[in-house]
Amino acid sequence: MLEPVLEGMAQTDLDRCEPLLRPGNTNCGGCGMSIAWHTLSRAIAHRPVQITIPACCAIVAAGPFPSSAYGAPIVATTFAATAAVATGLAQAARLNGEDTRVICWAGDGGTYDIGMATVSAAAERDEDILYVCYDNEIYGNTGGQRSSATPVGAATTTTPFGKKKRKKDMVGIMAAHGVPYTATISMAHLDDAMRKLRYALDLRGFRFIHILSPCPTGWKSEPAEGIELVRLAVQSGLYAVYEIFDGDRVVINVQPDMSKDALERYFAAQGRFRKAKVDLEQVQAEIPRDPLRPTQRGILR
């Protein structure tokens, strides 16, 4: 199902004069991260920003020096140092009295795994950082290896017959730090996504946003069906859309249908699940029915 860019919303004088992600970037067709970039660009509007990106698909998108596909100041960091570098930028902006918003933009490999130490440390210190994890559930930039965000049954280059371990509940872990704001974003629910990004950009302290980011290459799915896959994940209950304030108050933003049909269509549309022959009855049975305890659910586990 084809989706209009940003649901056909028109450019206005309140938006950035140039997008964060410029035309001519090297991202794959149907890349969920690219769609998320455009959504973030719209939310930022005229706010001054600096962005740190680790060694992931997002930093490759910039292209070769001296040109750049990005329309904002970008710092390329090592896999593990994104949150640490962002901490320095945020502290420098504070000391200089600048209203610059510092954003980390990282995949699941640089968040759930290799960057976990510095992400947790920045959250514990409540650094003034907006950390956005675009989660494509693999190490997409290095050939598609499994990460701790990879769900059960997904085939990768290092789990060719399907991953056996459940997905790490990174959102629950970040909320357990008691940070001011933690949220999940569905790109199939744009109004909610824009509201959350704008709110997080204006808030102070450590904020963590998780975005389910379809990767047609790694998921073995059709490029035009990425947003529909996110919609099916939400409808089936696999991907919870909610926000947590100060690690305590939980608000469910989209109530799932718990649709078995949506669950079946989600798995059938992705070649990565075919070898493992996932037991959908068991998957559905393990989706928690209590929406007030999402941090214990293990998103897309």
Protein backbone atom coordinates (compact mmCIF):
# COMPACT_ATOMS: atom_id res chain seq x y z
CA MET A 1 0.00 0.00 0.00
CA LEU A 2 1.54 3.31 -1.09
CA GLU A 3 1.62 6.09 1.49
CA PRO A 4 1.83 9.84 0.75
CA VAL A 5 4.83 11.58 2.28
CA LEU A 6 3.85 12.92 5.72
CA GLU A 7 0.22 12.14 4.85
CA GLY A 8 0.26 14.87 2.20
CA MET A 9 0.93 17.69 4.68
CA ALA A 10 2.01 20.84 2.86
CA GLN A 11 5.19 22.83 3.50
CA THR A 12 4.57 26.06 5.42
CA ASP A 13 6.62 29.06 6.57
CA LEU A 14 6.93 27.40 9.99
CA ASP A 15 8.95 24.50 8.58
CA ARG A 16 12.68 24.22 7.94
CA CYS A 17 13.79 25.89 4.71
CA GLU A 18 15.63 22.67 3.85
CA PRO A 19 15.00 19.14 5.11
CA LEU A 20 17.29 17.30 7.49
CA LEU A 21 17.70 14.57 4.87
CA ARG A 22 18.40 16.04 1.46
CA PRO A 23 17.67 14.43 -1.92
CA GLY A 24 20.47 12.30 -3.31
CA ASN A 25 21.23 10.43 -0.09
CA THR A 26 22.35 6.81 -0.24
CA ASN A 27 19.48 5.21 1.73
CA CYS A 28 17.67 2.23 0.26
CA GLY A 29 14.22 2.55 -1.29
CA GLY A 30 11.50 2.22 1.33
CA CYS A 31 13.94 2.82 4.20
CA GLY A 32 11.95 3.43 7.39
CA MET A 33 14.79 5.52 8.78
CA SER A 34 14.44 7.94 5.85
CA ILE A 35 10.74 8.41 6.59
CA ALA A 36 11.55 8.98 10.25
CA TRP A 37 14.14 11.61 9.27
CA HIS A 38 11.53 13.59 7.32
CA THR A 39 9.10 13.36 10.23
CA LEU A 40 11.76 14.64 12.64
CA SER A 41 12.65 17.42 10.20
CA ARG A 42 9.06 18.62 10.20
CA ALA A 43 8.89 18.50 14.00
CA ILE A 44 12.14 20.45 14.46
CA ALA A 45 10.95 23.35 12.27
CA HIS A 46 13.22 26.34 13.09
CA ARG A 47 14.68 25.03 16.33
CA PRO A 48 18.51 25.05 16.24
CA VAL A 49 19.80 21.49 16.43
CA GLN A 50 23.02 19.50 16.53
CA ILE A 51 22.89 15.76 15.83
CA THR A 52 25.25 12.93 16.75
CA ILE A 53 25.14 9.71 14.74
CA PRO A 54 27.15 6.52 15.38
CA ALA A 55 28.51 4.09 12.83
CA CYS A 56 25.20 2.96 11.33
CA CYS A 57 23.13 3.28 8.15
CA ALA A 58 22.26 6.87 9.08
CA ILE A 59 25.86 8.07 8.95
CA VAL A 60 26.52 6.34 5.62
CA ALA A 61 23.56 8.30 4.21
CA ALA A 62 25.57 11.52 4.47
CA GLY A 63 27.68 10.45 1.47
CA PRO A 64 31.38 11.14 0.80
CA PHE A 65 33.25 14.27 1.93
CA PRO A 66 33.08 17.19 1.15
CA SER A 67 29.36 17.00 0.39
CA SER A 68 26.62 15.96 2.83
CA ALA A 69 23.06 14.75 2.49
CA TYR A 70 22.22 16.33 5.84
CA GLY A 71 20.84 19.81 6.36
CA ALA A 72 22.04 20.27 9.96
CA PRO A 73 25.34 20.07 11.89
CA ILE A 74 26.22 16.38 12.27
CA VAL A 75 28.92 14.71 14.38
CA ALA A 76 29.86 11.17 13.32
CA THR A 77 30.81 9.14 16.38
CA THR A 78 32.05 5.66 17.14
CA PHE A 79 29.39 3.04 17.78
CA ALA A 80 29.65 3.32 21.56
CA ALA A 81 30.16 7.07 22.01
CA THR A 82 27.03 8.73 20.62
CA ALA A 83 25.41 9.67 23.93
CA ALA A 84 28.79 10.70 25.39
CA VAL A 85 29.53 13.06 22.50
CA ALA A 86 26.00 14.46 22.70
CA THR A 87 26.56 15.10 26.42
CA GLY A 88 29.54 17.31 25.58
CA LEU A 89 27.58 19.22 22.94
CA ALA A 90 24.64 19.76 25.30
CA GLN A 91 26.89 20.98 28.11
CA ALA A 92 28.70 23.37 25.74
CA ALA A 93 25.37 24.78 24.55
CA ARG A 94 24.29 25.26 28.18
CA LEU A 95 27.52 27.05 29.14
CA ASN A 96 27.20 29.32 26.09
CA GLY A 97 23.57 30.13 26.85
CA GLU A 98 22.45 28.63 23.53
CA ASP A 99 19.02 27.11 22.93
CA THR A 100 20.47 24.37 20.72
CA ARG A 101 18.65 21.04 20.92
CA VAL A 102 21.10 18.12 20.85
CA ILE A 103 19.79 14.91 19.28
CA CYS A 104 21.25 11.41 19.14
CA TRP A 105 20.08 9.46 16.11
CA ALA A 106 21.07 5.81 16.32
CA GLY A 107 19.98 2.36 15.25
CA ASP A 108 19.32 -0.61 17.51
CA GLY A 109 22.88 -1.90 17.29
CA GLY A 110 24.28 1.37 18.61
CA THR A 111 21.56 1.64 21.25
CA TYR A 112 20.55 -1.81 22.51
CA ASP A 113 24.04 -3.29 22.26
CA ILE A 114 27.30 -1.44 21.59
CA GLY A 115 26.13 1.97 22.83
CA MET A 116 24.19 0.70 25.86
CA ALA A 117 26.74 1.87 28.45
CA THR A 118 26.87 5.51 27.37
CA VAL A 119 23.11 5.66 26.74
CA SER A 120 22.42 4.38 30.25
CA ALA A 121 25.02 6.70 31.78
CA ALA A 122 23.57 9.78 30.05
CA ALA A 123 20.07 8.77 31.14
CA GLU A 124 21.18 8.24 34.74
CA ARG A 125 22.76 11.72 34.78
CA ASP A 126 19.63 13.16 33.13
CA GLU A 127 21.67 14.89 30.42
CA ASP A 128 19.78 17.37 28.23
CA ILE A 129 19.65 15.04 25.21
CA LEU A 130 16.91 13.76 22.94
CA TYR A 131 17.92 10.20 22.07
CA VAL A 132 16.07 8.70 19.09
CA CYS A 133 16.50 5.02 18.29
CA TYR A 134 15.35 4.01 14.83
CA ASP A 135 14.97 0.28 15.32
CA ASN A 136 15.26 -1.86 12.19
CA GLU A 137 15.96 -4.90 14.37
CA ILE A 138 19.32 -5.79 12.76
CA TYR A 139 22.82 -4.46 12.14
CA GLY A 140 21.69 -3.20 8.75
CA ASN A 141 24.87 -1.36 7.76
CA THR A 142 27.14 -4.40 8.08
CA GLY A 143 25.12 -7.02 6.27
CA GLY A 144 22.19 -7.75 8.55
CA GLN A 145 23.49 -9.49 11.68
CA ARG A 146 21.22 -10.08 14.68
CA SER A 147 21.07 -7.54 17.50
CA SER A 148 19.36 -7.80 20.86
CA ALA A 149 16.48 -5.94 19.19
CA THR A 150 15.93 -8.73 16.66
CA PRO A 151 12.64 -10.54 17.40
CA VAL A 152 12.19 -14.27 17.87
CA GLY A 153 12.12 -16.17 14.58
CA ALA A 154 13.79 -13.51 12.43
CA ALA A 155 16.50 -14.83 10.11
CA THR A 156 19.70 -12.79 9.93
CA THR A 157 23.22 -13.55 8.67
CA THR A 158 24.13 -14.75 12.17
CA THR A 159 20.78 -16.47 12.89
CA PRO A 160 20.07 -18.05 9.50
CA PHE A 161 17.30 -20.28 10.85
CA GLY A 162 15.69 -17.69 13.09
CA LYS A 163 16.68 -16.01 16.35
CA LYS A 164 15.86 -17.97 19.50
CA LYS A 165 16.03 -15.20 22.11
CA ARG A 166 13.34 -12.62 22.75
CA LYS A 167 13.79 -8.96 21.95
CA LYS A 168 15.23 -6.75 24.67
CA ASP A 169 12.74 -4.30 26.21
CA MET A 170 14.85 -1.19 25.69
CA VAL A 171 11.95 1.19 26.27
CA GLY A 172 11.27 -0.41 29.64
CA ILE A 173 14.96 -0.20 30.54
CA MET A 174 15.10 3.52 29.72
CA ALA A 175 11.89 4.22 31.63
CA ALA A 176 13.42 2.45 34.64
CA HIS A 177 16.04 5.22 34.74
CA GLY A 178 13.24 7.62 35.71
CA VAL A 179 14.00 10.00 32.83
CA PRO A 180 11.54 12.83 32.10
CA TYR A 181 10.14 11.29 28.92
CA THR A 182 10.15 7.93 27.18
CA ALA A 183 7.92 7.16 24.19
CA THR A 184 7.35 4.86 21.26
CA ILE A 185 6.39 6.19 17.85
CA SER A 186 4.39 4.60 15.06
CA MET A 187 5.00 6.14 11.65
CA ALA A 188 1.55 4.88 10.67
CA HIS A 189 0.08 7.33 13.23
CA LEU A 190 1.63 10.59 12.15
CA ASP A 191 -0.31 13.03 14.32
CA ASP A 192 0.77 11.16 17.44
CA ALA A 193 4.36 10.93 16.17
CA MET A 194 4.61 14.66 15.45
CA ARG A 195 3.12 15.56 18.83
CA LYS A 196 5.64 13.39 20.66
CA LEU A 197 8.64 14.66 18.72
CA ARG A 198 7.67 18.30 19.26
CA TYR A 199 7.04 17.70 22.94
CA ALA A 200 10.39 15.93 23.35
CA LEU A 201 12.25 18.67 21.48
CA ASP A 202 10.93 21.35 23.83
CA LEU A 203 11.44 19.34 27.03
CA ARG A 204 14.64 19.49 29.08
CA GLY A 205 16.56 16.55 30.47
CA PHE A 206 17.06 13.10 28.96
CA ARG A 207 14.34 11.98 26.55
CA PHE A 208 14.21 8.63 24.76
CA ILE A 209 12.10 7.89 21.70
CA HIS A 210 11.82 4.52 20.01
CA ILE A 211 10.74 4.24 16.36
CA LEU A 212 10.00 0.90 14.68
CA SER A 213 11.84 1.37 11.38
CA PRO A 214 11.10 -1.14 8.58
CA CYS A 215 14.14 -2.24 6.57
CA PRO A 216 13.05 -3.82 3.26
CA THR A 217 16.56 -5.23 2.70
CA GLY A 218 16.83 -6.94 6.07
CA TRP A 219 13.15 -7.73 6.55
CA LYS A 220 12.82 -9.15 3.02
CA SER A 221 9.70 -7.03 2.48
CA GLU A 222 8.39 -4.78 -0.27
CA PRO A 223 9.73 -1.19 -0.06
CA ALA A 224 6.26 0.32 -0.56
CA GLU A 225 4.77 -1.66 2.34
CA GLY A 226 6.86 -0.32 5.22
CA ILE A 227 4.23 1.92 6.80
CA GLU A 228 1.60 -0.78 6.37
CA LEU A 229 3.85 -3.20 8.27
CA VAL A 230 4.08 -0.72 11.15
CA ARG A 231 0.29 -0.34 11.08
CA LEU A 232 -0.14 -4.14 11.25
CA ALA A 233 2.33 -4.37 14.13
CA VAL A 234 0.29 -1.82 16.07
CA GLN A 235 -3.08 -3.39 15.23
CA SER A 236 -1.93 -6.85 16.26
CA GLY A 237 -0.53 -5.64 19.58
CA LEU A 238 3.07 -6.51 18.68
CA TYR A 239 4.16 -2.87 18.83
CA ALA A 240 2.78 -0.80 21.69
CA VAL A 241 2.35 2.94 21.14
CA TYR A 242 2.64 4.74 24.47
CA GLU A 243 4.57 7.31 26.48
CA ILE A 244 5.99 7.31 30.00
CA PHE A 245 6.51 10.45 32.07
CA ASP A 246 9.26 10.49 34.72
CA GLY A 247 9.46 6.71 34.54
CA ASP A 248 6.12 6.42 36.28
CA ARG A 249 2.98 7.75 34.56
CA VAL A 250 2.03 5.69 31.51
CA VAL A 251 -0.29 6.84 28.73
CA ILE A 252 -1.41 4.41 26.01
CA ASN A 253 -1.78 6.43 22.80
CA VAL A 254 -3.16 3.81 20.40
CA GLN A 255 -5.29 0.92 21.60
CA PRO A 256 -4.46 -2.24 19.61
CA ASP A 257 -7.15 -4.42 18.05
CA MET A 258 -5.25 -7.59 19.00
CA SER A 259 -6.12 -8.68 15.47
CA LYS A 260 -5.01 -12.18 14.51
CA ASP A 261 -5.45 -11.27 10.85
CA ALA A 262 -3.06 -8.32 11.25
CA LEU A 263 -0.58 -10.60 13.01
CA GLU A 264 -0.70 -13.15 10.18
CA ARG A 265 -0.32 -10.48 7.51
CA TYR A 266 2.63 -8.90 9.35
CA PHE A 267 4.61 -12.13 9.44
CA ALA A 268 3.57 -13.28 5.95
CA ALA A 269 4.81 -10.05 4.36
CA GLN A 270 8.39 -10.54 5.62
CA GLY A 271 10.73 -13.15 4.23
CA ARG A 272 12.88 -13.04 7.35
CA PHE A 273 10.35 -15.16 9.28
CA ARG A 274 9.82 -17.93 6.74
CA LYS A 275 12.63 -20.31 7.69
CA ALA A 276 11.77 -20.36 11.40
CA LYS A 277 8.07 -21.15 10.87
CA VAL A 278 7.02 -18.95 13.79
CA ASP A 279 4.16 -20.27 15.93
CA LEU A 280 1.72 -17.37 15.62
CA GLU A 281 -0.64 -18.88 18.19
CA GLN A 282 2.14 -18.70 20.75
CA VAL A 283 3.15 -15.20 19.66
CA GLN A 284 -0.40 -13.94 20.09
CA ALA A 285 -0.78 -15.69 23.44
CA GLU A 286 2.34 -13.91 24.73
CA ILE A 287 1.13 -10.42 23.83
CA PRO A 288 0.12 -8.91 27.20
CA ARG A 289 -3.50 -7.80 27.47
CA ASP A 290 -2.85 -5.29 30.28
CA PRO A 291 -2.10 -1.91 28.62
CA LEU A 292 -1.13 -0.36 31.97
CA ARG A 293 2.08 -2.38 32.18
CA PRO A 294 3.76 -1.89 28.78
CA THR A 295 7.30 -1.72 30.19
CA GLN A 296 7.09 -5.42 31.03
CA ARG A 297 5.88 -6.53 27.66
CA GLY A 298 9.12 -6.68 25.60
CA ILE A 299 8.15 -4.87 22.41
CA LEU A 300 7.99 -7.18 19.38
CA ARG A 301 9.51 -9.93 21.45
